Amino acid sequence: KTRYPKTGWGQVFQPFLSSDSLKQLTNLIKTDSALVDDRAKGGRSTR
């Protein structure tokens, strides 16, 4: 009701880390699954 359809790309990133995709990332991700923990926040700078 308040934000949609405004969407950050991290919000919809998890589905791209399926088991098929992870097979292409074995030199980076050593586990069978990966969980996205999105801590980004609007209006924030590095500081």
All heavy atoms as atom14 arrays in JSON, in Angstrom:
{
  "sequence": "KTRYPKTGWGQVFQPFLSSDSLKQLTNLIKTDSALVDDRAKGGRSTR",
  "atom14_mask": [
    [1, 1, 1, 1, 1, 1, 1, 1, 1, 0, 0, 0, 0, 0],
    [1, 1, 1, 1, 1, 1, 1, 0, 0, 0, 0, 0, 0, 0],
    [1, 1, 1, 1, 1, 1, 1, 1, 1, 1, 1, 0, 0, 0],
    [1, 1, 1, 1, 1, 1, 1, 1, 1, 1, 1, 1, 0, 0],
    [1, 1, 1, 1, 1, 1, 1, 0, 0, 0, 0, 0, 0, 0],
    [1, 1, 1, 1, 1, 1, 1, 1, 1, 0, 0, 0, 0, 0],
    [1, 1, 1, 1, 1, 1, 1, 0, 0, 0, 0, 0, 0, 0],
    [1, 1, 1, 1, 0, 0, 0, 0, 0, 0, 0, 0, 0, 0],
    [1, 1, 1, 1, 1, 1, 1, 1, 1, 1, 1, 1, 1, 1],
    [1, 1, 1, 1, 0, 0, 0, 0, 0, 0, 0, 0, 0, 0],
    [1, 1, 1, 1, 1, 1, 1, 1, 1, 0, 0, 0, 0, 0],
    [1, 1, 1, 1, 1, 1, 1, 0, 0, 0, 0, 0, 0, 0],
    [1, 1, 1, 1, 1, 1, 1, 1, 1, 1, 1, 0, 0, 0],
    [1, 1, 1, 1, 1, 1, 1, 1, 1, 0, 0, 0, 0, 0],
    [1, 1, 1, 1, 1, 1, 1, 0, 0, 0, 0, 0, 0, 0],
    [1, 1, 1, 1, 1, 1, 1, 1, 1, 1, 1, 0, 0, 0],
    [1, 1, 1, 1, 1, 1, 1, 1, 0, 0, 0, 0, 0, 0],
    [1, 1, 1, 1, 1, 1, 0, 0, 0, 0, 0, 0, 0, 0],
    [1, 1, 1, 1, 1, 1, 0, 0, 0, 0, 0, 0, 0, 0],
    [1, 1, 1, 1, 1, 1, 1, 1, 0, 0, 0, 0, 0, 0],
    [1, 1, 1, 1, 1, 1, 0, 0, 0, 0, 0, 0, 0, 0],
    [1, 1, 1, 1, 1, 1, 1, 1, 0, 0, 0, 0, 0, 0],
    [1, 1, 1, 1, 1, 1, 1, 1, 1, 0, 0, 0, 0, 0],
    [1, 1, 1, 1, 1, 1, 1, 1, 1, 0, 0, 0, 0, 0],
    [1, 1, 1, 1, 1, 1, 1, 1, 0, 0, 0, 0, 0, 0],
    [1, 1, 1, 1, 1, 1, 1, 0, 0, 0, 0, 0, 0, 0],
    [1, 1, 1, 1, 1, 1, 1, 1, 0, 0, 0, 0, 0, 0],
    [1, 1, 1, 1, 1, 1, 1, 1, 0, 0, 0, 0, 0, 0],
    [1, 1, 1, 1, 1, 1, 1, 1, 0, 0, 0, 0, 0, 0],
    [1, 1, 1, 1, 1, 1, 1, 1, 1, 0, 0, 0, 0, 0],
    [1, 1, 1, 1, 1, 1, 1, 0, 0, 0, 0, 0, 0, 0],
    [1, 1, 1, 1, 1, 1, 1, 1, 0, 0, 0, 0, 0, 0],
    [1, 1, 1, 1, 1, 1, 0, 0, 0, 0, 0, 0, 0, 0],
    [1, 1, 1, 1, 1, 0, 0, 0, 0, 0, 0, 0, 0, 0],
    [1, 1, 1, 1, 1, 1, 1, 1, 0, 0, 0, 0, 0, 0],
    [1, 1, 1, 1, 1, 1, 1, 0, 0, 0, 0, 0, 0, 0],
    [1, 1, 1, 1, 1, 1, 1, 1, 0, 0, 0, 0, 0, 0],
    [1, 1, 1, 1, 1, 1, 1, 1, 0, 0, 0, 0, 0, 0],
    [1, 1, 1, 1, 1, 1, 1, 1, 1, 1, 1, 0, 0, 0],
    [1, 1, 1, 1, 1, 0, 0, 0, 0, 0, 0, 0, 0, 0],
    [1, 1, 1, 1, 1, 1, 1, 1, 1, 0, 0, 0, 0, 0],
    [1, 1, 1, 1, 0, 0, 0, 0, 0, 0, 0, 0, 0, 0],
    [1, 1, 1, 1, 0, 0, 0, 0, 0, 0, 0, 0, 0, 0],
    [1, 1, 1, 1, 1, 1, 1, 1, 1, 1, 1, 0, 0, 0],
    [1, 1, 1, 1, 1, 1, 0, 0, 0, 0, 0, 0, 0, 0],
    [1, 1, 1, 1, 1, 1, 1, 0, 0, 0, 0, 0, 0, 0],
    [1, 1, 1, 1, 1, 1, 1, 1, 1, 1, 1, 0, 0, 0]
  ],
  "atom14_positions": [
    [[0.81, -1.21, 0.0], [0.0, 0.0, 0.0], [0.85, 1.28, 0.0], [0.39, 2.32, -0.48], [-0.92, 0.02, 1.23], [-1.98, -1.07, 1.2], [-2.85, -1.0, 2.46], [-3.91, -2.08, 2.45], [-4.74, -2.04, 3.69], [0.0, 0.0, 0.0], [0.0, 0.0, 0.0], [0.0, 0.0, 0.0], [0.0, 0.0, 0.0], [0.0, 0.0, 0.0]],
    [[2.06, 1.19, 0.54], [2.86, 2.41, 0.7], [4.07, 2.53, -0.22], [4.48, 3.64, -0.56], [3.36, 2.52, 2.15], [4.18, 1.38, 2.45], [2.2, 2.59, 3.14], [0.0, 0.0, 0.0], [0.0, 0.0, 0.0], [0.0, 0.0, 0.0], [0.0, 0.0, 0.0], [0.0, 0.0, 0.0], [0.0, 0.0, 0.0], [0.0, 0.0, 0.0]],
    [[4.65, 1.4, -0.64], [5.89, 1.46, -1.42], [5.8, 0.81, -2.8], [6.48, 1.24, -3.73], [7.02, 0.78, -0.64], [7.46, 1.54, 0.59], [8.39, 2.67, 0.23], [8.92, 3.34, 1.42], [9.84, 4.28, 1.39], [10.37, 4.65, 0.24], [10.26, 4.86, 2.5], [0.0, 0.0, 0.0], [0.0, 0.0, 0.0], [0.0, 0.0, 0.0]],
    [[5.02, -0.25, -2.9], [4.94, -0.98, -4.17], [4.53, -0.05, -5.31], [3.69, 0.81, -5.12], [3.92, -2.11, -4.03], [3.8, -2.96, -5.28], [4.71, -3.97, -5.55], [2.78, -2.72, -6.19], [4.61, -4.73, -6.7], [2.67, -3.49, -7.35], [3.6, -4.48, -7.6], [3.5, -5.24, -8.74], [0.0, 0.0, 0.0], [0.0, 0.0, 0.0]],
    [[5.15, -0.15, -6.5], [6.07, -1.2, -6.96], [7.55, -0.87, -6.75], [8.41, -1.5, -7.36], [5.76, -1.27, -8.45], [5.44, 0.15, -8.82], [4.71, 0.72, -7.62], [0.0, 0.0, 0.0], [0.0, 0.0, 0.0], [0.0, 0.0, 0.0], [0.0, 0.0, 0.0], [0.0, 0.0, 0.0], [0.0, 0.0, 0.0], [0.0, 0.0, 0.0]],
    [[7.86, 0.1, -5.93], [9.27, 0.43, -5.68], [9.98, -0.79, -5.11], [9.53, -1.38, -4.11], [9.36, 1.6, -4.7], [10.76, 2.2, -4.59], [10.72, 3.49, -3.78], [12.09, 4.16, -3.78], [12.08, 5.44, -3.04], [0.0, 0.0, 0.0], [0.0, 0.0, 0.0], [0.0, 0.0, 0.0], [0.0, 0.0, 0.0], [0.0, 0.0, 0.0]],
    [[11.09, -1.15, -5.74], [11.78, -2.39, -5.39], [13.3, -2.21, -5.5], [13.77, -1.69, -6.51], [11.36, -3.53, -6.34], [9.93, -3.62, -6.38], [11.95, -4.86, -5.9], [0.0, 0.0, 0.0], [0.0, 0.0, 0.0], [0.0, 0.0, 0.0], [0.0, 0.0, 0.0], [0.0, 0.0, 0.0], [0.0, 0.0, 0.0], [0.0, 0.0, 0.0]],
    [[14.02, -2.63, -4.48], [15.47, -2.66, -4.58], [15.89, -3.98, -5.21], [15.2, -4.99, -5.04], [0.0, 0.0, 0.0], [0.0, 0.0, 0.0], [0.0, 0.0, 0.0], [0.0, 0.0, 0.0], [0.0, 0.0, 0.0], [0.0, 0.0, 0.0], [0.0, 0.0, 0.0], [0.0, 0.0, 0.0], [0.0, 0.0, 0.0], [0.0, 0.0, 0.0]],
    [[17.03, -4.02, -5.91], [17.39, -5.26, -6.6], [17.7, -6.37, -5.6], [17.49, -7.56, -5.9], [18.54, -5.05, -7.57], [19.88, -4.65, -7.04], [20.44, -3.4, -7.06], [20.86, -5.51, -6.41], [21.69, -3.42, -6.49], [21.97, -4.7, -6.09], [20.89, -6.87, -6.11], [23.11, -5.21, -5.46], [22.02, -7.39, -5.48], [23.11, -6.56, -5.17]],
    [[18.17, -6.01, -4.4], [18.44, -7.03, -3.4], [17.19, -7.75, -2.94], [17.23, -8.89, -2.47], [0.0, 0.0, 0.0], [0.0, 0.0, 0.0], [0.0, 0.0, 0.0], [0.0, 0.0, 0.0], [0.0, 0.0, 0.0], [0.0, 0.0, 0.0], [0.0, 0.0, 0.0], [0.0, 0.0, 0.0], [0.0, 0.0, 0.0], [0.0, 0.0, 0.0]],
    [[16.07, -7.1, -3.07], [14.78, -7.64, -2.65], [14.4, -8.88, -3.45], [13.67, -9.75, -2.96], [13.73, -6.54, -2.81], [12.33, -6.88, -2.37], [11.42, -5.66, -2.46], [11.87, -4.54, -2.24], [10.16, -5.88, -2.78], [0.0, 0.0, 0.0], [0.0, 0.0, 0.0], [0.0, 0.0, 0.0], [0.0, 0.0, 0.0], [0.0, 0.0, 0.0]],
    [[14.88, -8.95, -4.67], [14.5, -10.06, -5.56], [15.73, -10.83, -6.02], [15.73, -11.46, -7.09], [13.7, -9.54, -6.77], [12.29, -9.16, -6.36], [14.38, -8.32, -7.42], [0.0, 0.0, 0.0], [0.0, 0.0, 0.0], [0.0, 0.0, 0.0], [0.0, 0.0, 0.0], [0.0, 0.0, 0.0], [0.0, 0.0, 0.0], [0.0, 0.0, 0.0]],
    [[16.79, -10.8, -5.23], [18.04, -11.45, -5.6], [18.08, -12.94, -5.22], [18.7, -13.76, -5.9], [19.2, -10.71, -4.93], [20.56, -11.08, -5.45], [20.79, -11.25, -6.8], [21.62, -11.24, -4.57], [22.06, -11.58, -7.28], [22.89, -11.58, -5.03], [23.11, -11.75, -6.4], [0.0, 0.0, 0.0], [0.0, 0.0, 0.0], [0.0, 0.0, 0.0]],
    [[17.42, -13.28, -4.12], [17.47, -14.65, -3.61], [17.13, -15.72, -4.66], [17.84, -16.74, -4.76], [16.56, -14.8, -2.4], [16.57, -16.19, -1.76], [17.88, -16.5, -1.05], [18.28, -15.81, -0.13], [18.57, -17.56, -1.49], [0.0, 0.0, 0.0], [0.0, 0.0, 0.0], [0.0, 0.0, 0.0], [0.0, 0.0, 0.0], [0.0, 0.0, 0.0]],
    [[16.07, -15.55, -5.45], [15.71, -16.6, -6.41], [16.8, -16.93, -7.42], [16.8, -18.03, -8.0], [14.47, -16.02, -7.12], [13.89, -15.08, -6.13], [15.07, -14.47, -5.43], [0.0, 0.0, 0.0], [0.0, 0.0, 0.0], [0.0, 0.0, 0.0], [0.0, 0.0, 0.0], [0.0, 0.0, 0.0], [0.0, 0.0, 0.0], [0.0, 0.0, 0.0]],
    [[17.73, -16.02, -7.64], [18.81, -16.27, -8.6], [19.93, -17.12, -8.0], [20.85, -17.52, -8.71], [19.36, -14.95, -9.13], [18.38, -14.21, -9.98], [17.6, -13.2, -9.44], [18.21, -14.54, -11.31], [16.67, -12.52, -10.23], [17.29, -13.87, -12.1], [16.51, -12.86, -11.56], [0.0, 0.0, 0.0], [0.0, 0.0, 0.0], [0.0, 0.0, 0.0]],
    [[19.84, -17.41, -6.7], [20.84, -18.25, -6.06], [20.3, -19.66, -5.86], [20.41, -20.26, -4.79], [21.26, -17.63, -4.73], [21.92, -16.26, -4.86], [22.12, -15.62, -3.49], [23.25, -16.36, -5.59], [0.0, 0.0, 0.0], [0.0, 0.0, 0.0], [0.0, 0.0, 0.0], [0.0, 0.0, 0.0], [0.0, 0.0, 0.0], [0.0, 0.0, 0.0]],
    [[19.7, -20.18, -6.91], [19.17, -21.53, -6.89], [20.32, -22.53, -6.95], [21.47, -22.17, -7.2], [18.24, -21.75, -8.08], [18.96, -21.62, -9.29], [0.0, 0.0, 0.0], [0.0, 0.0, 0.0], [0.0, 0.0, 0.0], [0.0, 0.0, 0.0], [0.0, 0.0, 0.0], [0.0, 0.0, 0.0], [0.0, 0.0, 0.0], [0.0, 0.0, 0.0]],
    [[20.01, -23.79, -6.72], [21.05, -24.83, -6.73], [21.76, -24.89, -8.08], [22.98, -25.1, -8.16], [20.45, -26.19, -6.39], [19.41, -26.52, -7.3], [0.0, 0.0, 0.0], [0.0, 0.0, 0.0], [0.0, 0.0, 0.0], [0.0, 0.0, 0.0], [0.0, 0.0, 0.0], [0.0, 0.0, 0.0], [0.0, 0.0, 0.0], [0.0, 0.0, 0.0]],
    [[21.03, -24.68, -9.17], [21.64, -24.71, -10.5], [22.65, -23.58, -10.66], [23.72, -23.77, -11.24], [20.57, -24.59, -11.59], [19.74, -25.85, -11.71], [20.18, -26.89, -11.18], [18.67, -25.81, -12.32], [0.0, 0.0, 0.0], [0.0, 0.0, 0.0], [0.0, 0.0, 0.0], [0.0, 0.0, 0.0], [0.0, 0.0, 0.0], [0.0, 0.0, 0.0]],
    [[22.3, -22.41, -10.14], [23.22, -21.27, -10.24], [24.45, -21.47, -9.38], [25.57, -21.14, -9.77], [22.5, -19.98, -9.82], [21.43, -19.67, -10.7], [0.0, 0.0, 0.0], [0.0, 0.0, 0.0], [0.0, 0.0, 0.0], [0.0, 0.0, 0.0], [0.0, 0.0, 0.0], [0.0, 0.0, 0.0], [0.0, 0.0, 0.0], [0.0, 0.0, 0.0]],
    [[24.25, -22.04, -8.19], [25.37, -22.22, -7.27], [26.41, -23.18, -7.82], [27.59, -23.1, -7.46], [24.86, -22.71, -5.91], [24.01, -21.71, -5.11], [23.61, -22.32, -3.78], [24.76, -20.41, -4.89], [0.0, 0.0, 0.0], [0.0, 0.0, 0.0], [0.0, 0.0, 0.0], [0.0, 0.0, 0.0], [0.0, 0.0, 0.0], [0.0, 0.0, 0.0]],
    [[26.0, -24.07, -8.7], [26.95, -24.99, -9.3], [28.0, -24.25, -10.13], [29.1, -24.76, -10.36], [26.22, -26.0, -10.19], [25.36, -27.0, -9.42], [24.61, -27.91, -10.37], [23.72, -28.88, -9.6], [22.92, -29.75, -10.53], [0.0, 0.0, 0.0], [0.0, 0.0, 0.0], [0.0, 0.0, 0.0], [0.0, 0.0, 0.0], [0.0, 0.0, 0.0]],
    [[27.66, -23.06, -10.58], [28.6, -22.25, -11.36], [29.49, -21.39, -10.47], [30.36, -20.67, -10.96], [27.82, -21.36, -12.33], [26.93, -22.13, -13.29], [26.15, -21.2, -14.2], [26.74, -20.42, -14.94], [24.83, -21.3, -14.17], [0.0, 0.0, 0.0], [0.0, 0.0, 0.0], [0.0, 0.0, 0.0], [0.0, 0.0, 0.0], [0.0, 0.0, 0.0]],
    [[29.26, -21.45, -9.16], [29.98, -20.59, -8.23], [30.76, -21.39, -7.2], [31.05, -20.9, -6.11], [28.99, -19.67, -7.5], [28.07, -18.82, -8.37], [27.08, -18.07, -7.49], [28.86, -17.86, -9.23], [0.0, 0.0, 0.0], [0.0, 0.0, 0.0], [0.0, 0.0, 0.0], [0.0, 0.0, 0.0], [0.0, 0.0, 0.0], [0.0, 0.0, 0.0]],
    [[31.13, -22.6, -7.53], [31.77, -23.47, -6.55], [33.13, -22.96, -6.08], [33.61, -23.35, -5.02], [31.93, -24.89, -7.11], [32.63, -24.83, -8.37], [30.57, -25.54, -7.33], [0.0, 0.0, 0.0], [0.0, 0.0, 0.0], [0.0, 0.0, 0.0], [0.0, 0.0, 0.0], [0.0, 0.0, 0.0], [0.0, 0.0, 0.0], [0.0, 0.0, 0.0]],
    [[33.77, -22.1, -6.88], [35.05, -21.54, -6.45], [34.86, -20.36, -5.5], [35.83, -19.83, -4.95], [35.9, -21.11, -7.64], [35.22, -20.03, -8.47], [33.99, -19.91, -8.44], [35.98, -19.28, -9.23], [0.0, 0.0, 0.0], [0.0, 0.0, 0.0], [0.0, 0.0, 0.0], [0.0, 0.0, 0.0], [0.0, 0.0, 0.0], [0.0, 0.0, 0.0]],
    [[33.61, -19.96, -5.28], [33.31, -18.84, -4.4], [32.42, -19.27, -3.24], [32.63, -18.86, -2.1], [32.63, -17.72, -5.18], [32.37, -16.42, -4.43], [33.69, -15.73, -4.1], [31.49, -15.49, -5.25], [0.0, 0.0, 0.0], [0.0, 0.0, 0.0], [0.0, 0.0, 0.0], [0.0, 0.0, 0.0], [0.0, 0.0, 0.0], [0.0, 0.0, 0.0]],
    [[31.42, -20.08, -3.53], [30.47, -20.55, -2.51], [30.68, -22.04, -2.31], [30.49, -22.84, -3.23], [29.02, -20.25, -2.93], [28.82, -18.73, -3.04], [28.04, -20.84, -1.92], [27.44, -18.31, -3.51], [0.0, 0.0, 0.0], [0.0, 0.0, 0.0], [0.0, 0.0, 0.0], [0.0, 0.0, 0.0], [0.0, 0.0, 0.0], [0.0, 0.0, 0.0]],
    [[31.09, -22.42, -1.1], [31.46, -23.8, -0.82], [30.29, -24.66, -0.35], [30.4, -25.88, -0.26], [32.57, -23.83, 0.24], [33.75, -22.91, -0.03], [34.47, -23.29, -1.31], [35.78, -22.51, -1.47], [35.6, -21.06, -1.55], [0.0, 0.0, 0.0], [0.0, 0.0, 0.0], [0.0, 0.0, 0.0], [0.0, 0.0, 0.0], [0.0, 0.0, 0.0]],
    [[29.19, -24.03, 0.02], [28.04, -24.77, 0.55], [27.01, -25.06, -0.55], [27.11, -24.56, -1.66], [27.36, -23.94, 1.66], [27.04, -22.64, 1.14], [28.29, -23.77, 2.84], [0.0, 0.0, 0.0], [0.0, 0.0, 0.0], [0.0, 0.0, 0.0], [0.0, 0.0, 0.0], [0.0, 0.0, 0.0], [0.0, 0.0, 0.0], [0.0, 0.0, 0.0]],
    [[26.04, -25.89, -0.19], [25.01, -26.28, -1.16], [23.9, -25.24, -1.3], [23.06, -25.34, -2.2], [24.38, -27.62, -0.76], [25.37, -28.77, -0.88], [26.29, -28.66, -1.72], [25.22, -29.75, -0.13], [0.0, 0.0, 0.0], [0.0, 0.0, 0.0], [0.0, 0.0, 0.0], [0.0, 0.0, 0.0], [0.0, 0.0, 0.0], [0.0, 0.0, 0.0]],
    [[23.88, -24.28, -0.39], [22.85, -23.25, -0.46], [23.4, -21.91, 0.01], [24.43, -21.85, 0.7], [21.63, -23.63, 0.39], [22.01, -23.79, 1.75], [0.0, 0.0, 0.0], [0.0, 0.0, 0.0], [0.0, 0.0, 0.0], [0.0, 0.0, 0.0], [0.0, 0.0, 0.0], [0.0, 0.0, 0.0], [0.0, 0.0, 0.0], [0.0, 0.0, 0.0]],
    [[22.74, -20.84, -0.39], [23.15, -19.49, -0.02], [21.92, -18.67, 0.36], [20.88, -18.76, -0.3], [23.9, -18.81, -1.17], [0.0, 0.0, 0.0], [0.0, 0.0, 0.0], [0.0, 0.0, 0.0], [0.0, 0.0, 0.0], [0.0, 0.0, 0.0], [0.0, 0.0, 0.0], [0.0, 0.0, 0.0], [0.0, 0.0, 0.0], [0.0, 0.0, 0.0]],
    [[22.06, -17.89, 1.41], [20.96, -17.08, 1.91], [21.3, -15.61, 1.8], [22.34, -15.17, 2.31], [20.66, -17.43, 3.37], [19.59, -16.58, 4.06], [18.21, -16.85, 3.45], [19.57, -16.87, 5.57], [0.0, 0.0, 0.0], [0.0, 0.0, 0.0], [0.0, 0.0, 0.0], [0.0, 0.0, 0.0], [0.0, 0.0, 0.0], [0.0, 0.0, 0.0]],
    [[20.46, -14.84, 1.15], [20.67, -13.39, 1.04], [20.15, -12.71, 2.3], [19.0, -12.91, 2.69], [19.94, -12.82, -0.19], [20.04, -11.29, -0.21], [20.53, -13.4, -1.48], [0.0, 0.0, 0.0], [0.0, 0.0, 0.0], [0.0, 0.0, 0.0], [0.0, 0.0, 0.0], [0.0, 0.0, 0.0], [0.0, 0.0, 0.0], [0.0, 0.0, 0.0]],
    [[21.0, -11.93, 2.93], [20.63, -11.14, 4.11], [20.81, -9.67, 3.71], [21.91, -9.13, 3.76], [21.51, -11.5, 5.29], [21.02, -10.88, 6.6], [20.31, -9.85, 6.54], [21.35, -11.4, 7.68], [0.0, 0.0, 0.0], [0.0, 0.0, 0.0], [0.0, 0.0, 0.0], [0.0, 0.0, 0.0], [0.0, 0.0, 0.0], [0.0, 0.0, 0.0]],
    [[19.72, -9.05, 3.32], [19.76, -7.7, 2.77], [19.69, -6.67, 3.89], [18.63, -6.45, 4.48], [18.6, -7.51, 1.78], [18.73, -6.25, 0.95], [19.57, -5.39, 1.29], [17.99, -6.11, -0.04], [0.0, 0.0, 0.0], [0.0, 0.0, 0.0], [0.0, 0.0, 0.0], [0.0, 0.0, 0.0], [0.0, 0.0, 0.0], [0.0, 0.0, 0.0]],
    [[20.81, -6.01, 4.18], [20.86, -4.98, 5.23], [20.87, -3.56, 4.66], [21.01, -2.59, 5.42], [22.13, -5.18, 6.07], [22.24, -6.56, 6.73], [21.14, -6.82, 7.73], [21.33, -8.1, 8.39], [21.95, -8.26, 9.55], [22.45, -7.21, 10.21], [22.07, -9.47, 10.11], [0.0, 0.0, 0.0], [0.0, 0.0, 0.0], [0.0, 0.0, 0.0]],
    [[20.76, -3.43, 3.35], [20.78, -2.1, 2.73], [19.58, -1.28, 3.22], [18.52, -1.81, 3.55], [20.73, -2.24, 1.21], [0.0, 0.0, 0.0], [0.0, 0.0, 0.0], [0.0, 0.0, 0.0], [0.0, 0.0, 0.0], [0.0, 0.0, 0.0], [0.0, 0.0, 0.0], [0.0, 0.0, 0.0], [0.0, 0.0, 0.0], [0.0, 0.0, 0.0]],
    [[19.77, 0.04, 3.2], [18.71, 0.94, 3.68], [18.74, 2.23, 2.87], [19.82, 2.79, 2.61], [18.94, 1.25, 5.16], [17.83, 2.06, 5.81], [16.61, 1.22, 6.09], [15.56, 1.98, 6.92], [14.35, 1.18, 7.15], [0.0, 0.0, 0.0], [0.0, 0.0, 0.0], [0.0, 0.0, 0.0], [0.0, 0.0, 0.0], [0.0, 0.0, 0.0]],
    [[17.58, 2.7, 2.48], [17.49, 3.91, 1.69], [18.1, 5.12, 2.37], [18.02, 5.27, 3.59], [0.0, 0.0, 0.0], [0.0, 0.0, 0.0], [0.0, 0.0, 0.0], [0.0, 0.0, 0.0], [0.0, 0.0, 0.0], [0.0, 0.0, 0.0], [0.0, 0.0, 0.0], [0.0, 0.0, 0.0], [0.0, 0.0, 0.0], [0.0, 0.0, 0.0]],
    [[18.75, 5.97, 1.58], [19.3, 7.21, 2.1], [20.63, 7.08, 2.8], [21.18, 8.07, 3.29], [0.0, 0.0, 0.0], [0.0, 0.0, 0.0], [0.0, 0.0, 0.0], [0.0, 0.0, 0.0], [0.0, 0.0, 0.0], [0.0, 0.0, 0.0], [0.0, 0.0, 0.0], [0.0, 0.0, 0.0], [0.0, 0.0, 0.0], [0.0, 0.0, 0.0]],
    [[21.19, 5.87, 2.84], [22.44, 5.68, 3.57], [23.65, 5.8, 2.67], [23.67, 5.32, 1.54], [22.46, 4.32, 4.26], [21.86, 4.35, 5.67], [20.47, 4.89, 5.65], [19.88, 4.97, 7.0], [18.63, 5.33, 7.2], [17.85, 5.67, 6.19], [18.15, 5.38, 8.44], [0.0, 0.0, 0.0], [0.0, 0.0, 0.0], [0.0, 0.0, 0.0]],
    [[24.66, 6.45, 3.21], [25.96, 6.53, 2.55], [26.9, 5.59, 3.28], [26.52, 4.95, 4.28], [26.5, 7.96, 2.63], [26.67, 8.36, 3.97], [0.0, 0.0, 0.0], [0.0, 0.0, 0.0], [0.0, 0.0, 0.0], [0.0, 0.0, 0.0], [0.0, 0.0, 0.0], [0.0, 0.0, 0.0], [0.0, 0.0, 0.0], [0.0, 0.0, 0.0]],
    [[28.12, 5.46, 2.82], [29.08, 4.61, 3.51], [29.25, 5.06, 4.96], [29.4, 4.24, 5.87], [30.46, 4.65, 2.82], [30.86, 6.02, 2.64], [30.43, 3.94, 1.48], [0.0, 0.0, 0.0], [0.0, 0.0, 0.0], [0.0, 0.0, 0.0], [0.0, 0.0, 0.0], [0.0, 0.0, 0.0], [0.0, 0.0, 0.0], [0.0, 0.0, 0.0]],
    [[29.21, 6.38, 5.18], [29.41, 6.92, 6.53], [28.22, 6.65, 7.43], [28.38, 6.15, 8.56], [29.68, 8.42, 6.46], [29.74, 9.1, 7.84], [30.09, 10.57, 7.73], [29.18, 11.33, 6.9], [27.98, 11.78, 7.29], [27.54, 11.53, 8.52], [27.22, 12.49, 6.47], [0.0, 0.0, 0.0], [0.0, 0.0, 0.0], [0.0, 0.0, 0.0]]
  ]
}
